[in-house]
N, C-alpha and C. Protein backbone atom coordinates (compact mmCIF):
# COMPACT_ATOMS: atom_id res chain seq x y z
N MET A 1 -78.39 14.44 -5.98
CA MET A 1 -76.83 14.28 -6.33
C MET A 1 -75.83 14.62 -5.04
N ASN A 2 -75.40 14.63 -4.48
CA ASN A 2 -74.30 14.64 -3.52
C ASN A 2 -73.31 14.52 -4.08
N LYS A 3 -71.98 15.03 -3.62
CA LYS A 3 -70.32 15.80 -4.43
C LYS A 3 -69.95 14.19 -4.88
N MET A 4 -69.76 13.10 -4.41
CA MET A 4 -69.82 12.12 -4.30
C MET A 4 -70.12 11.03 -5.35
N ASP A 5 -71.10 11.94 -6.20
CA ASP A 5 -71.53 11.03 -7.18
C ASP A 5 -70.80 11.72 -8.57
N LYS A 6 -69.63 12.56 -8.42
CA LYS A 6 -68.92 13.35 -9.42
C LYS A 6 -67.46 13.15 -9.22
N VAL A 7 -66.88 12.84 -10.42
CA VAL A 7 -65.21 12.79 -10.52
C VAL A 7 -65.39 14.02 -11.35
N ARG A 8 -64.09 14.68 -10.91
CA ARG A 8 -63.62 15.60 -11.69
C ARG A 8 -61.96 15.09 -12.13
N LEU A 9 -62.07 15.95 -13.87
CA LEU A 9 -60.99 15.15 -14.67
C LEU A 9 -59.67 16.11 -14.53
N GLN A 10 -58.99 15.66 -15.26
CA GLN A 10 -57.42 16.16 -15.00
C GLN A 10 -58.24 17.24 -15.75
N ASP A 11 -58.31 17.44 -16.22
CA ASP A 11 -59.45 18.87 -17.41
C ASP A 11 -60.08 19.95 -16.32
N GLY A 12 -60.56 19.60 -15.04
CA GLY A 12 -61.44 20.22 -14.29
C GLY A 12 -63.17 20.37 -14.40
N ARG A 13 -63.27 19.44 -14.99
CA ARG A 13 -64.91 18.77 -16.21
C ARG A 13 -65.13 17.60 -14.78
N GLU A 14 -66.13 17.93 -14.55
CA GLU A 14 -66.84 16.80 -13.46
C GLU A 14 -67.99 16.12 -14.41
N VAL A 15 -67.58 14.81 -14.29
CA VAL A 15 -68.64 13.66 -14.47
C VAL A 15 -69.58 12.86 -13.43
N ASP A 16 -70.44 12.84 -13.61
CA ASP A 16 -71.51 11.90 -13.29
C ASP A 16 -71.25 10.46 -13.13
N VAL A 17 -71.08 9.92 -12.29
CA VAL A 17 -70.93 8.97 -11.87
C VAL A 17 -71.66 7.53 -12.38
N TYR A 18 -73.09 8.29 -12.17
CA TYR A 18 -73.95 7.23 -12.54
C TYR A 18 -74.42 7.60 -14.03
N ARG A 19 -73.88 8.60 -14.90
CA ARG A 19 -74.21 8.88 -16.01
C ARG A 19 -73.15 7.88 -17.20
N LEU A 20 -72.45 8.50 -16.51
CA LEU A 20 -70.97 7.29 -17.01
C LEU A 20 -70.64 5.85 -16.61
N ALA A 21 -71.92 5.18 -15.82
CA ALA A 21 -72.23 3.74 -15.29
C ALA A 21 -72.89 3.55 -16.34
N GLY A 22 -74.06 4.51 -16.86
CA GLY A 22 -74.82 3.87 -17.46
C GLY A 22 -74.83 3.63 -19.14
N PHE A 23 -73.63 4.47 -19.27
CA PHE A 23 -73.03 4.81 -20.46
C PHE A 23 -72.02 3.05 -20.41
N LEU A 24 -71.60 2.64 -19.55
CA LEU A 24 -70.90 1.81 -19.91
C LEU A 24 -71.32 0.06 -19.56
N TYR A 25 -72.43 0.09 -18.69
CA TYR A 25 -73.24 -0.91 -18.87
C TYR A 25 -74.29 -0.93 -19.66
N GLY A 26 -74.27 -0.01 -20.55
CA GLY A 26 -76.44 0.32 -21.20
C GLY A 26 -77.19 0.60 -20.63
N LEU A 27 -77.11 0.98 -19.69
CA LEU A 27 -78.54 1.49 -19.30
C LEU A 27 -79.60 2.52 -19.77
N SER A 28 -80.38 2.87 -19.78
CA SER A 28 -81.00 3.86 -20.33
C SER A 28 -81.28 4.73 -18.99
N ALA A 29 -81.05 6.10 -19.57
CA ALA A 29 -81.83 6.66 -17.81
C ALA A 29 -82.67 6.05 -16.82
N SER A 30 -83.50 6.33 -17.36
CA SER A 30 -84.54 5.59 -15.90
C SER A 30 -84.09 4.31 -15.27
N ASP A 31 -83.63 3.49 -16.00
CA ASP A 31 -82.63 2.22 -15.47
C ASP A 31 -81.61 2.95 -14.25
N VAL A 32 -81.27 4.23 -14.72
CA VAL A 32 -79.59 4.37 -14.19
C VAL A 32 -80.23 5.75 -12.79
N GLU A 33 -81.86 6.15 -12.97
CA GLU A 33 -82.87 6.26 -11.84
C GLU A 33 -82.67 5.51 -11.09
N LEU A 34 -83.13 4.57 -11.30
CA LEU A 34 -83.56 3.01 -10.42
C LEU A 34 -82.04 2.83 -9.87
N LEU A 35 -81.42 2.63 -9.93
CA LEU A 35 -79.74 2.29 -9.86
C LEU A 35 -79.73 3.32 -8.55
N LYS A 36 -79.69 4.41 -9.00
CA LYS A 36 -79.42 5.83 -7.97
C LYS A 36 -79.97 5.29 -6.67
N VAL A 37 -81.78 5.28 -6.38
CA VAL A 37 -81.94 5.05 -5.63
C VAL A 37 -81.89 3.51 -5.17
N ILE A 38 -81.80 2.53 -5.56
CA ILE A 38 -81.21 1.21 -4.96
C ILE A 38 -79.63 1.77 -4.48
N LEU A 39 -78.89 1.96 -4.45
CA LEU A 39 -77.51 2.19 -4.07
C LEU A 39 -78.21 3.58 -2.78
N GLU A 40 -78.96 3.84 -2.87
CA GLU A 40 -78.71 4.90 -1.81
C GLU A 40 -79.52 4.01 -0.44
N GLN A 41 -79.92 3.46 -0.92
CA GLN A 41 -81.12 2.73 -0.24
C GLN A 41 -80.62 1.58 0.17
N ARG A 42 -79.81 1.13 -0.34
CA ARG A 42 -79.09 -0.49 0.33
C ARG A 42 -80.77 -1.85 -0.47
N GLU A 43 -81.80 -1.60 0.35
CA GLU A 43 -82.82 -2.43 0.10
C GLU A 43 -83.96 -1.64 -0.24
N VAL A 44 -84.87 -2.33 -1.82
CA VAL A 44 -86.07 -1.21 -2.29
C VAL A 44 -87.18 -2.03 -1.93
N THR A 45 -88.28 -2.42 -2.60
CA THR A 45 -89.70 -3.22 -3.37
C THR A 45 -89.95 -2.51 -4.98
N THR A 46 -90.22 -3.32 -5.65
CA THR A 46 -90.81 -2.33 -6.73
C THR A 46 -91.86 -1.36 -6.74
N GLU A 47 -92.63 -1.84 -5.25
CA GLU A 47 -93.81 -0.55 -4.92
C GLU A 47 -92.93 0.56 -4.64
N TYR A 48 -92.21 0.75 -3.05
CA TYR A 48 -91.42 1.14 -3.03
C TYR A 48 -90.72 2.35 -4.46
N LEU A 49 -90.03 1.51 -5.21
CA LEU A 49 -89.77 2.58 -6.57
C LEU A 49 -90.29 3.23 -7.32
N ALA A 50 -91.73 2.47 -7.89
CA ALA A 50 -93.25 2.67 -8.18
C ALA A 50 -93.22 4.65 -7.66
N GLU A 51 -93.53 4.34 -6.99
CA GLU A 51 -94.05 5.56 -5.47
C GLU A 51 -92.51 7.00 -5.37
N ARG A 52 -92.01 6.24 -5.28
CA ARG A 52 -90.68 7.23 -5.41
C ARG A 52 -89.98 7.64 -6.54
N LEU A 53 -89.99 7.46 -7.87
CA LEU A 53 -89.46 7.86 -8.43
C LEU A 53 -90.91 8.36 -9.58
N LYS A 54 -92.30 7.90 -9.43
CA LYS A 54 -93.48 8.13 -10.12
C LYS A 54 -93.87 7.42 -11.29
N VAL A 55 -93.70 6.00 -11.33
CA VAL A 55 -93.72 5.89 -12.26
C VAL A 55 -94.55 4.70 -11.97
N THR A 56 -94.60 3.66 -13.11
CA THR A 56 -95.68 2.59 -12.80
C THR A 56 -94.68 1.69 -12.49
N LYS A 57 -94.90 0.78 -11.78
CA LYS A 57 -94.28 -0.90 -11.59
C LYS A 57 -94.34 -1.71 -12.54
N ALA A 58 -95.05 -1.20 -14.39
CA ALA A 58 -94.77 -2.68 -15.07
C ALA A 58 -93.25 -1.70 -15.28
N SER A 59 -92.46 -0.30 -15.80
CA SER A 59 -91.98 0.30 -15.51
C SER A 59 -90.37 0.43 -14.75
N VAL A 60 -90.40 -0.01 -13.48
CA VAL A 60 -89.48 0.04 -12.26
C VAL A 60 -89.68 -1.82 -12.88
N SER A 61 -90.41 -2.62 -13.49
CA SER A 61 -90.03 -3.86 -13.22
C SER A 61 -89.10 -4.42 -14.39
N LYS A 62 -89.29 -3.39 -15.84
CA LYS A 62 -88.75 -3.89 -16.74
C LYS A 62 -87.41 -3.02 -16.57
N GLY A 63 -87.67 -2.34 -15.79
CA GLY A 63 -85.66 -1.53 -15.62
C GLY A 63 -85.05 -2.12 -14.67
N LEU A 64 -85.51 -3.04 -13.54
CA LEU A 64 -85.09 -4.03 -12.61
C LEU A 64 -84.44 -5.33 -13.58
N ASN A 65 -85.14 -5.32 -14.24
CA ASN A 65 -84.47 -6.78 -14.92
C ASN A 65 -83.40 -6.63 -15.82
N ASN A 66 -83.76 -5.37 -16.39
CA ASN A 66 -82.14 -4.88 -17.16
C ASN A 66 -80.58 -4.31 -15.71
N ILE A 67 -81.42 -3.78 -15.47
CA ILE A 67 -79.90 -4.08 -14.37
C ILE A 67 -79.72 -5.32 -13.19
N LEU A 68 -80.55 -6.33 -12.78
CA LEU A 68 -80.82 -7.84 -12.97
C LEU A 68 -79.11 -7.99 -13.83
N ASP A 69 -79.83 -8.30 -15.65
CA ASP A 69 -79.31 -8.45 -16.23
C ASP A 69 -77.95 -8.58 -16.50
N ARG A 70 -77.71 -7.23 -15.86
CA ARG A 70 -76.10 -6.54 -15.55
C ARG A 70 -75.06 -7.38 -14.42
N GLY A 71 -76.31 -8.28 -13.63
CA GLY A 71 -75.29 -8.05 -12.40
C GLY A 71 -74.92 -6.97 -11.47
N LEU A 72 -75.74 -5.61 -11.53
CA LEU A 72 -75.63 -4.92 -10.98
C LEU A 72 -76.26 -4.70 -9.28
N ILE A 73 -77.32 -5.40 -9.31
CA ILE A 73 -77.74 -5.04 -8.37
C ILE A 73 -78.11 -6.85 -7.85
N SER A 74 -79.08 -7.49 -7.14
CA SER A 74 -79.33 -8.57 -6.89
C SER A 74 -80.89 -8.52 -5.84
N ARG A 75 -81.54 -9.70 -5.95
CA ARG A 75 -83.27 -9.77 -5.56
C ARG A 75 -83.21 -11.12 -5.02
N ASP A 76 -84.20 -10.74 -3.93
CA ASP A 76 -84.19 -12.39 -2.79
C ASP A 76 -85.21 -11.97 -2.74
N ARG A 77 -86.71 -12.96 -2.89
CA ARG A 77 -87.84 -13.37 -2.30
C ARG A 77 -88.15 -13.38 -1.24
N ALA A 78 -89.20 -12.85 -0.87
CA ALA A 78 -90.02 -12.36 0.45
C ALA A 78 -91.50 -13.29 0.73
N MET A 79 -91.91 -13.38 1.57
CA MET A 79 -93.31 -13.17 1.82
C MET A 79 -93.45 -12.47 2.48
N ARG A 80 -95.21 -11.93 2.18
CA ARG A 80 -95.87 -10.88 2.42
C ARG A 80 -96.20 -10.95 4.21
N ASN A 81 -96.63 -10.33 5.08
CA ASN A 81 -97.09 -10.45 6.67
C ASN A 81 -97.95 -11.98 6.17
N GLY A 82 -97.56 -12.32 6.91
CA GLY A 82 -98.37 -13.43 7.25
C GLY A 82 -98.45 -14.82 6.25
N GLY A 83 -97.46 -14.17 5.37
CA GLY A 83 -97.16 -14.98 4.73
C GLY A 83 -98.57 -15.66 3.46
N LYS A 84 -99.52 -15.43 3.27
CA LYS A 84 -100.34 -15.62 1.99
C LYS A 84 -100.12 -14.36 1.14
N GLY A 85 -100.30 -15.19 -0.26
CA GLY A 85 -100.03 -14.14 -1.56
C GLY A 85 -99.02 -14.17 -1.50
N ARG A 86 -98.49 -13.55 -2.97
CA ARG A 86 -97.43 -13.38 -3.79
C ARG A 86 -96.92 -13.17 -3.46
N PRO A 87 -95.37 -13.26 -3.44
CA PRO A 87 -94.47 -12.89 -3.06
C PRO A 87 -93.77 -11.80 -2.99
N ILE A 88 -93.42 -11.32 -2.01
CA ILE A 88 -92.58 -9.51 -2.85
C ILE A 88 -90.90 -9.97 -3.08
N TYR A 89 -90.26 -9.16 -4.06
CA TYR A 89 -89.28 -9.20 -4.29
C TYR A 89 -88.29 -7.82 -3.41
N ILE A 90 -87.18 -8.68 -2.93
CA ILE A 90 -86.25 -6.46 -2.29
C ILE A 90 -85.22 -7.04 -3.27
N TYR A 91 -85.04 -6.02 -3.65
CA TYR A 91 -83.69 -5.77 -4.78
C TYR A 91 -82.41 -5.09 -3.92
N LYS A 92 -81.57 -5.48 -3.68
CA LYS A 92 -80.25 -4.79 -3.31
C LYS A 92 -79.02 -4.81 -3.80
N ALA A 93 -78.67 -3.71 -3.37
CA ALA A 93 -77.04 -3.46 -3.77
C ALA A 93 -76.09 -2.55 -2.33
N ASP A 94 -74.66 -2.88 -3.23
CA ASP A 94 -74.34 -2.48 -1.42
C ASP A 94 -73.32 -1.58 -2.53
N ARG A 95 -73.18 -0.28 -2.25
CA ARG A 95 -72.23 0.62 -2.84
C ARG A 95 -70.76 0.77 -3.20
N LYS A 96 -70.45 0.56 -2.11
CA LYS A 96 -69.02 0.02 -2.16
C LYS A 96 -68.42 -0.61 -3.01
N GLN A 97 -69.40 -2.02 -3.79
CA GLN A 97 -69.13 -3.01 -4.18
C GLN A 97 -69.16 -2.52 -5.43
N PHE A 98 -70.49 -1.78 -5.71
CA PHE A 98 -70.68 -1.26 -7.19
C PHE A 98 -69.65 -0.51 -7.61
N LEU A 99 -69.12 0.68 -6.44
CA LEU A 99 -68.08 1.54 -7.12
C LEU A 99 -66.92 0.62 -7.26
N ALA A 100 -66.89 -0.36 -6.51
CA ALA A 100 -65.16 -0.98 -6.84
C ALA A 100 -65.79 -1.56 -8.31
N ARG A 101 -66.50 -2.53 -8.31
CA ARG A 101 -66.95 -2.81 -9.11
C ARG A 101 -67.12 -2.07 -11.19
N PHE A 102 -67.10 -0.92 -11.39
CA PHE A 102 -67.14 0.45 -11.78
C PHE A 102 -65.70 0.64 -12.04
N ALA A 103 -64.82 1.02 -11.17
CA ALA A 103 -63.22 1.21 -11.16
C ALA A 103 -63.05 0.18 -12.26
N ASP A 104 -62.86 -0.83 -11.87
CA ASP A 104 -62.64 -2.04 -11.96
C ASP A 104 -63.27 -2.01 -13.56
N ASP A 105 -64.06 -2.03 -14.16
CA ASP A 105 -64.67 -1.66 -15.76
C ASP A 105 -63.94 -0.88 -16.21
N LEU A 106 -63.46 -0.06 -15.80
CA LEU A 106 -63.90 1.01 -16.43
C LEU A 106 -62.01 1.26 -16.69
N GLN A 107 -61.79 0.68 -15.52
CA GLN A 107 -59.50 0.26 -15.38
C GLN A 107 -59.77 -1.28 -17.22
N SER A 108 -60.59 -1.99 -16.88
CA SER A 108 -60.67 -3.27 -17.91
C SER A 108 -61.00 -2.54 -19.54
N ILE A 109 -61.57 -1.04 -19.72
CA ILE A 109 -62.45 -0.65 -20.84
C ILE A 109 -60.46 -0.49 -21.17
N SER A 110 -60.29 0.51 -20.48
CA SER A 110 -59.18 1.42 -20.54
C SER A 110 -58.21 1.06 -20.38
N ASP A 111 -57.99 -0.90 -20.43
CA ASP A 111 -56.77 -1.55 -20.92
C ASP A 111 -56.88 -1.99 -22.41
N GLN A 112 -57.99 -2.15 -22.55
CA GLN A 112 -58.35 -2.79 -23.81
C GLN A 112 -58.63 -1.84 -25.01
N VAL A 113 -58.94 -0.57 -24.90
CA VAL A 113 -58.49 0.56 -26.06
C VAL A 113 -56.95 0.76 -25.74
N ARG A 114 -56.53 0.76 -24.74
CA ARG A 114 -55.16 1.11 -25.03
C ARG A 114 -54.34 -0.25 -26.35
N LYS A 115 -54.79 -1.24 -25.76
CA LYS A 115 -54.14 -2.12 -26.42
C LYS A 115 -54.64 -2.24 -27.97
N SER A 116 -55.79 -2.01 -28.06
CA SER A 116 -56.75 -1.97 -30.08
C SER A 116 -55.79 -0.58 -29.94
N LEU A 117 -55.49 0.83 -29.58
CA LEU A 117 -54.30 1.35 -30.30
C LEU A 117 -53.15 1.24 -30.17
N GLU A 118 -52.21 0.31 -29.65
CA GLU A 118 -51.38 -0.07 -29.73
C GLU A 118 -50.91 -1.08 -30.65
N GLU A 119 -51.46 -1.60 -31.14
CA GLU A 119 -51.86 -3.34 -32.50
C GLU A 119 -52.72 -2.01 -33.48
N LYS A 120 -52.87 -1.14 -33.96
CA LYS A 120 -53.62 -0.40 -35.13
C LYS A 120 -52.31 0.46 -35.48
N ASP A 121 -51.68 1.19 -34.44
CA ASP A 121 -50.44 1.90 -34.24
C ASP A 121 -49.31 1.01 -34.68
N GLY A 122 -48.95 0.13 -34.43
CA GLY A 122 -47.68 -0.43 -34.12
C GLY A 122 -46.83 -0.55 -33.36
N LYS A 123 -47.27 1.16 -32.42
CA LYS A 123 -46.61 1.67 -31.32
C LYS A 123 -46.86 1.10 -29.80
N LYS A 124 -45.80 0.96 -29.01
CA LYS A 124 -46.23 1.14 -27.38
C LYS A 124 -47.13 2.62 -27.39
N LEU A 125 -48.14 2.34 -26.47
CA LEU A 125 -48.39 3.97 -26.13
C LEU A 125 -47.28 4.02 -24.95
N VAL A 126 -47.63 5.11 -24.57
CA VAL A 126 -46.60 6.20 -23.89
C VAL A 126 -47.59 6.39 -22.52
N THR A 127 -47.38 6.12 -21.11
CA THR A 127 -48.15 6.37 -19.82
C THR A 127 -47.21 7.68 -19.47
N VAL A 128 -47.89 9.16 -19.21
CA VAL A 128 -47.94 10.19 -19.05
C VAL A 128 -48.08 10.39 -17.47
N PRO A 129 -47.27 10.97 -16.77
CA PRO A 129 -47.55 10.59 -15.24
C PRO A 129 -48.30 11.90 -15.05
N ASN A 130 -49.24 11.72 -14.06
CA ASN A 130 -50.39 13.08 -13.82
C ASN A 130 -48.99 13.75 -13.08
């Protein structure tokens, strides 16, 4: 994990972006590990992920489907060398696009929480400047 994977909060604590994303999108810890590798490599195969993370292809496939269902990665079908046999799937993600979506989703949740709290309290919340 590098410094860019952490966000410093106002009180000085650091939060791991991927752990927060896992919570936000309902991903397991193993799904988050898959997502990190895909974002790091940009394009990967199931075989690569299984080897890199030292897990079975079946567990990789399950996690990939969870991440795909949330729209965080894409999948392209490709033919193996020579065009014979079963196709392989290439899983792709762009780090900048992911982080932009992640930031938008966090803002949306913040807005929803604010609205809910205001409705329950009956008062408009005041924004405190940094």
